[in-house]
Amino acid sequence: MDRLMPNIFEYFDYHKYLLDFYNKKKSVDTFFSYRYMSRCLGIDAGYLVKVFQGRKSITIDSVPKFASLLKLGKKEAKYFELLVLFSKAKSNAEITSIFEKMLPFTEMHHTKIEGAKYEFYQKWYHTAIREIIGFYGFNGDFQTLADLVVPSIKPLEARRSVELLLRLGMVVKNDKGEYSLASRFITTGEKWHSPAIRTFQKETIRLAGEALDRIPKEERDISTMTVSLSRESFEEVRERLKHIRRLLFEVANKEQCADGVYQINLQLFPISKRMPGTGGT
């Protein structure tokens, strides 16, 4: 693979890789075009443009032709195939399975994904352990630490969680054997696509449902509302939810006397099909 071209191992969306490849190639070879690629691939140029824009998909059968056009080596071609499969996966199990096959390629090339962080979001209680260490402190008593988590976990799970946090550099241990946070907050950012995040979110949603029976009403706040929105109003609500998250971070950041860890879920999803021609676009 031409090292002047984008590094495919830094991508989790093959459409984005193809577009970046095209733009880079076009900048150094003005004769390179969609029409040229169309002839090489045997794919209509108009359809090809939509593929590069992320509006259409390629077939698995066309992967070898793309690998040849892109001048991908054996490992790069295999990773490109996994990217295509990843984009077509539907079930969470299938998505996770393909993603885990992709990880060895990305870790080998030091991309931003960091496999250990993938492990961090596979268990909901890792975030709880981290926050408990932040406000309660921890000196190596894993039984007590496990009992502080709600619902409680096993001491062995608490130990493995702390070991992971140390490995990630999220917590540090001093000479006295005391643990503390390396930084106050962590975030996945707005563009994280890891299947582990999907698993983590599903787990926290499950915990929220269980909290209705497990947690006294005065110690929780769970509410729901159902509304009708246009596409424009939907996007406005999403932006306002982002703003709310920032405000909540500010509140937590100013906290000086925390005595518990809380999970906050903000959820917005459709419970009807969209109906074109009724006001939306």
Foldseek 3Di string as FASTA:
>chain_A
DPPQADDLLQDLAVLCSVLSRQVSVCVVPVVDDLVVLCVQQVHDSVVVVCSNVVNDADDLVSLVSVCVVSVHDPVSSVLSSLSRQLVVDDDLVSNQVSVVVSVVSNVVVVHPPDVLVLVCLLDLCLVVLLVCCAQVKDQPPLVVSQVQDVVGDDSVVSVVSVVSCVVVQQWDADPNRIIHGPDDDDDCDDPDDRSSNVNNVVVVVVVVVVCVVVPDPVVDDDDDDDDDDAPVVVVVVVVVVVVVVVVVVVVVVPDDNDDHDDDDDDDDDDPDDDDPPPPHD
